[in-house]
């Protein structure tokens, strides 16, 4: 059943589980894939991990998507560190010990880096962290403006359409609120340099992103001096449309390449 959601972990987080949907469980979801070590991918700023279902059966790993269990709620994580701690608990339900392979799109990649730092301090091995066009925040908050938030919300609404998500929680306004909260978490987080292996899948169409953010993006998205073992893999498309059908083949190709390169 490659490419089809086949199961999920249910986490009663904050006193609330999602109901009426076999596709979405508060916590993590498993998307079918090949055998071998798991690939754990953290949601983007909107809090949902459904982009990654498209990778199932195409990536040379089982794929687990981590959703924000507080999506659409008033209750929130107080810090990026608290979020990382909760998500480490999720992945340990699946895989108690490393080596771990972590990643995420945009904001999710930053969360994955924080998770990796915490796991290393617990003497766990990290195979690598994969950043899907994540932007470096080491120099302080680089916030989206309202236009960027709206584009992000519209794009992700399109991408999750067809999944059994509560329609009251899948509109643009709710997603924009999630993006704003993610920005607040980033503004409070002091990332430390990370010395482990990191792969950046960098979207090549940067013009609209640079215009909306108001600053230029270098070929490393600002990460090179912060991540000494960074390897960049260029992919087609822009930041918000990496997982669209026309870009998916190239993303999968470079992702599998990044996974294989770690063992050469």
Protein backbone atom coordinates (compact mmCIF):
# COMPACT_ATOMS: atom_id res chain seq x y z
CA UNK A 1 0.00 0.00 0.00
CA UNK A 2 2.81 2.36 -0.84
CA UNK A 3 1.74 5.96 -0.75
CA UNK A 4 -1.26 5.32 1.49
CA UNK A 5 -1.65 6.21 5.13
CA UNK A 6 -1.66 2.93 7.04
CA UNK A 7 -1.63 3.76 10.71
CA UNK A 8 -0.89 6.30 13.39
CA UNK A 9 -0.06 6.94 16.99
CA UNK A 10 -2.75 8.59 19.04
CA UNK A 11 -1.58 10.95 21.73
CA UNK A 12 -4.09 12.42 24.16
CA UNK A 13 -2.20 15.68 24.34
CA UNK A 14 -3.78 18.62 26.10
CA UNK A 15 -6.88 16.53 26.83
CA UNK A 16 -7.92 16.34 23.17
CA UNK A 17 -7.76 13.73 20.46
CA UNK A 18 -8.86 14.32 16.89
CA UNK A 19 -12.07 12.50 16.01
CA UNK A 20 -13.81 11.61 12.79
CA UNK A 21 -10.61 11.21 10.82
CA UNK A 22 -8.63 8.07 10.16
CA UNK A 23 -5.93 10.23 8.59
CA UNK A 24 -5.07 12.61 11.39
CA UNK A 25 -4.00 11.66 14.89
CA UNK A 26 -2.75 14.15 17.44
CA UNK A 27 0.90 13.24 17.68
CA UNK A 28 2.36 11.33 14.82
CA UNK A 29 1.17 9.54 11.70
CA UNK A 30 2.86 6.74 9.79
CA UNK A 31 2.96 6.93 6.03
CA UNK A 32 3.80 3.69 4.20
CA UNK A 33 7.32 3.25 2.88
CA UNK A 34 10.26 0.93 2.49
CA UNK A 35 11.84 -0.96 5.38
CA UNK A 36 14.89 0.23 7.25
CA UNK A 37 15.52 3.11 9.65
CA UNK A 38 12.64 5.56 9.97
CA UNK A 39 12.60 9.13 8.69
CA UNK A 40 10.82 11.42 11.18
CA UNK A 41 9.55 14.66 9.63
CA UNK A 42 8.22 17.57 11.69
CA UNK A 43 5.30 19.68 10.45
CA UNK A 44 5.88 23.09 8.90
CA UNK A 45 4.67 26.31 10.55
CA UNK A 46 1.02 25.42 9.96
CA UNK A 47 1.24 22.47 12.35
CA UNK A 48 0.14 19.66 9.99
CA UNK A 49 2.41 17.07 8.41
CA UNK A 50 0.27 15.96 5.47
CA UNK A 51 2.75 17.24 2.88
CA UNK A 52 4.89 14.24 3.68
CA UNK A 53 2.26 11.65 2.73
CA UNK A 54 3.37 12.22 -0.87
CA UNK A 55 6.81 10.85 0.01
CA UNK A 56 5.47 7.49 1.17
CA UNK A 57 6.56 4.62 -1.02
CA UNK A 58 8.93 6.90 -2.97
CA UNK A 59 11.49 7.54 -0.24
CA UNK A 60 13.84 4.73 0.74
CA UNK A 61 12.64 4.82 4.36
CA UNK A 62 9.45 4.48 6.36
CA UNK A 63 8.12 8.03 6.80
CA UNK A 64 6.57 9.35 10.00
CA UNK A 65 4.95 12.77 10.00
CA UNK A 66 4.73 14.67 13.30
CA UNK A 67 1.70 16.93 13.68
CA UNK A 68 1.32 19.68 16.28
CA UNK A 69 -1.06 18.18 18.86
CA UNK A 70 -2.27 21.71 19.71
CA UNK A 71 -3.25 22.55 16.14
CA UNK A 72 -6.24 24.88 16.14
CA UNK A 73 -6.38 25.12 19.94
CA UNK A 74 -5.92 28.00 22.34
CA UNK A 75 -3.40 25.92 24.27
CA UNK A 76 0.10 26.17 22.81
CA UNK A 77 3.67 25.09 23.32
CA UNK A 78 5.47 27.74 25.34
CA UNK A 79 8.79 27.33 23.55
CA UNK A 80 10.53 25.54 20.72
CA UNK A 81 12.36 23.51 23.36
CA UNK A 82 9.05 22.30 24.84
CA UNK A 83 7.86 21.34 21.37
CA UNK A 84 11.10 19.45 20.69
CA UNK A 85 10.80 17.56 23.99
CA UNK A 86 7.25 16.46 23.15
CA UNK A 87 8.24 15.33 19.68
CA UNK A 88 11.21 13.39 21.01
CA UNK A 89 8.70 11.50 23.17
CA UNK A 90 6.69 10.77 20.02
CA UNK A 91 9.60 9.35 18.06
CA UNK A 92 10.76 7.27 21.01
CA UNK A 93 7.39 5.52 20.95
CA UNK A 94 8.38 4.28 17.50
CA UNK A 95 12.15 4.00 17.92
CA UNK A 96 13.44 4.03 21.51
CA UNK A 97 17.06 4.74 20.55
CA UNK A 98 19.13 6.12 17.69
CA UNK A 99 20.56 6.49 15.22
CA UNK A 100 17.76 8.89 14.32
CA UNK A 101 17.08 10.56 10.99
CA UNK A 102 15.09 13.77 11.51
CA UNK A 103 13.88 16.54 9.28
CA UNK A 104 11.14 18.92 8.34
CA UNK A 105 9.93 21.52 5.90
CA UNK A 106 10.66 25.17 6.70
CA UNK A 107 9.90 25.70 10.41
CA UNK A 108 9.88 21.91 10.87
CA UNK A 109 13.54 21.70 9.94
CA UNK A 110 14.44 24.14 12.72
CA UNK A 111 12.46 22.05 15.22
CA UNK A 112 14.30 18.95 13.98
CA UNK A 113 17.64 20.67 14.65
CA UNK A 114 16.59 21.46 18.22
CA UNK A 115 15.50 17.85 18.64
CA UNK A 116 18.86 16.64 17.33
CA UNK A 117 20.75 18.87 19.77
CA UNK A 118 18.71 17.53 22.68
CA UNK A 119 19.13 13.90 21.62
CA UNK A 120 22.90 14.31 21.29
CA UNK A 121 23.06 15.58 24.88
CA UNK A 122 21.29 12.32 25.85
CA UNK A 123 24.08 10.34 24.12
CA UNK A 124 21.83 9.34 21.24
CA UNK A 125 23.26 9.06 17.73
CA UNK A 126 21.85 11.24 14.96
CA UNK A 127 22.28 9.93 11.42
CA UNK A 128 21.42 13.31 9.92
CA UNK A 129 18.95 16.19 9.88
CA UNK A 130 17.22 17.05 6.61
CA UNK A 131 16.06 20.62 6.05
CA UNK A 132 13.40 21.10 3.38
CA UNK A 133 14.23 24.69 2.44
CA UNK A 134 14.43 25.81 6.08
CA UNK A 135 15.80 29.31 6.57
CA UNK A 136 18.44 30.08 9.18
CA UNK A 137 17.14 32.01 12.18
CA UNK A 138 20.41 32.26 14.10
CA UNK A 139 20.54 36.05 13.69
CA UNK A 140 17.11 36.64 15.18
CA UNK A 141 13.57 36.40 13.92
CA UNK A 142 13.01 36.60 10.22
CA UNK A 143 9.26 36.96 10.14
CA UNK A 144 6.83 36.45 7.31
CA UNK A 145 4.80 39.49 6.40
CA UNK A 146 1.01 39.18 6.06
CA UNK A 147 1.22 38.50 2.32
CA UNK A 148 3.62 35.62 2.89
CA UNK A 149 1.41 34.20 5.62
CA UNK A 150 -1.61 34.31 3.29
CA UNK A 151 0.30 32.59 0.48
CA UNK A 152 1.50 29.94 2.92
CA UNK A 153 -2.01 29.41 4.25
CA UNK A 154 -3.58 29.12 0.79
CA UNK A 155 -0.88 26.73 -0.38
CA UNK A 156 -1.19 24.43 2.59
CA UNK A 157 -4.98 24.44 2.49
CA UNK A 158 -4.65 23.19 -1.08
CA UNK A 159 -2.14 20.54 -0.09
CA UNK A 160 -4.21 19.11 2.78
CA UNK A 161 -7.50 19.25 0.88
CA UNK A 162 -8.91 15.76 0.51
CA UNK A 163 -7.74 14.60 3.93
CA UNK A 164 -10.42 14.24 6.59
CA UNK A 165 -9.37 17.29 8.55
CA UNK A 166 -11.98 19.18 10.53
CA UNK A 167 -13.08 21.84 8.00
CA UNK A 168 -13.43 24.37 10.79
CA UNK A 169 -9.70 24.02 11.46
CA UNK A 170 -8.35 23.89 7.91
CA UNK A 171 -9.14 27.37 6.65
CA UNK A 172 -6.59 30.01 5.82
CA UNK A 173 -7.23 32.09 8.94
CA UNK A 174 -6.51 29.21 11.31
CA UNK A 175 -3.35 28.32 9.41
CA UNK A 176 -2.14 31.91 9.53
CA UNK A 177 -2.59 31.88 13.31
CA UNK A 178 -0.44 28.76 13.44
CA UNK A 179 2.25 30.46 11.34
CA UNK A 180 2.25 33.50 13.63
CA UNK A 181 2.68 31.30 16.69
CA UNK A 182 5.57 29.48 15.00
CA UNK A 183 7.22 32.85 14.42
CA UNK A 184 6.89 33.67 18.11
CA UNK A 185 8.55 30.38 19.03
CA UNK A 186 11.41 31.11 16.64
CA UNK A 187 11.88 34.59 18.08
CA UNK A 188 12.40 33.12 21.55
CA UNK A 189 14.78 30.35 20.49
CA UNK A 190 18.56 30.69 20.67
CA UNK A 191 19.86 27.98 18.36
CA UNK A 192 23.29 26.57 19.07
CA UNK A 193 25.74 25.56 16.31
CA UNK A 194 25.12 21.95 15.36
CA UNK A 195 28.12 19.85 14.35
CA UNK A 196 26.29 16.80 13.00
CA UNK A 197 25.46 15.95 9.39
CA UNK A 198 22.77 18.14 7.83
CA UNK A 199 21.30 18.09 4.32
CA UNK A 200 19.49 21.13 2.91
CA UNK A 201 17.04 20.55 0.07
CA UNK A 202 16.99 24.08 -1.30
CA UNK A 203 14.20 25.34 -3.53
CA UNK A 204 15.65 27.12 -6.55
CA UNK A 205 12.83 29.61 -7.19
CA UNK A 206 13.60 32.20 -4.52
CA UNK A 207 12.41 35.48 -6.04
CA UNK A 208 8.95 35.60 -4.47
CA UNK A 209 10.28 34.44 -1.09
CA UNK A 210 13.02 37.09 -1.09
CA UNK A 211 10.52 39.77 -2.04
CA UNK A 212 8.13 38.82 0.73
CA UNK A 213 10.78 38.44 3.41
CA UNK A 214 12.68 41.56 2.39
CA UNK A 215 16.18 40.09 2.40
CA UNK A 216 18.24 37.95 0.00
CA UNK A 217 18.77 34.22 0.43
CA UNK A 218 22.22 32.81 -0.24
CA UNK A 219 22.79 29.33 -1.65
CA UNK A 220 22.85 27.89 1.88
CA UNK A 221 19.76 29.77 3.19
CA UNK A 222 22.12 31.35 5.75
CA UNK A 223 23.14 28.04 7.36
CA UNK A 224 26.71 27.48 6.17
CA UNK A 225 28.61 29.08 9.05
CA UNK A 226 26.17 27.65 11.56
CA UNK A 227 26.18 24.03 10.31
CA UNK A 228 29.74 22.94 9.45
CA UNK A 229 28.64 19.59 7.94
CA UNK A 230 25.96 21.07 5.70
CA UNK A 231 25.41 19.59 2.24
CA UNK A 232 23.09 21.38 -0.21
CA UNK A 233 20.88 19.58 -2.73
CA UNK A 234 19.07 21.85 -5.17
CA UNK A 235 15.44 21.05 -5.99
CA UNK A 236 12.90 22.61 -8.31
CA UNK A 237 10.03 24.82 -7.26
CA UNK A 238 9.65 27.48 -4.59
CA UNK A 239 9.49 27.33 -0.80
CA UNK A 240 5.74 26.71 -0.58
CA UNK A 241 5.35 24.35 -3.52
CA UNK A 242 8.14 21.83 -2.97
CA UNK A 243 5.65 19.01 -2.56
CA UNK A 244 3.43 19.92 -5.50
CA UNK A 245 3.19 17.19 -8.12
CA UNK A 246 5.37 19.01 -10.66
CA UNK A 247 8.24 19.28 -8.13
CA UNK A 248 7.83 16.05 -6.20
CA UNK A 249 9.97 13.84 -8.45
CA UNK A 250 13.01 16.08 -8.04
CA UNK A 251 12.49 16.43 -4.28
CA UNK A 252 12.27 12.64 -3.89
CA UNK A 253 15.35 12.13 -6.07
CA UNK A 254 17.47 14.53 -4.03
CA UNK A 255 16.09 13.29 -0.72
CA UNK A 256 17.01 9.69 -1.55
CA UNK A 257 20.41 10.92 -2.69
CA UNK A 258 20.92 12.70 0.64
CA UNK A 259 19.92 9.56 2.54
CA UNK A 260 22.30 7.38 0.53
CA UNK A 261 25.21 9.84 0.68
CA UNK A 262 25.40 9.46 4.45
CA UNK A 263 26.55 5.87 4.02
CA UNK A 264 29.20 6.45 1.35
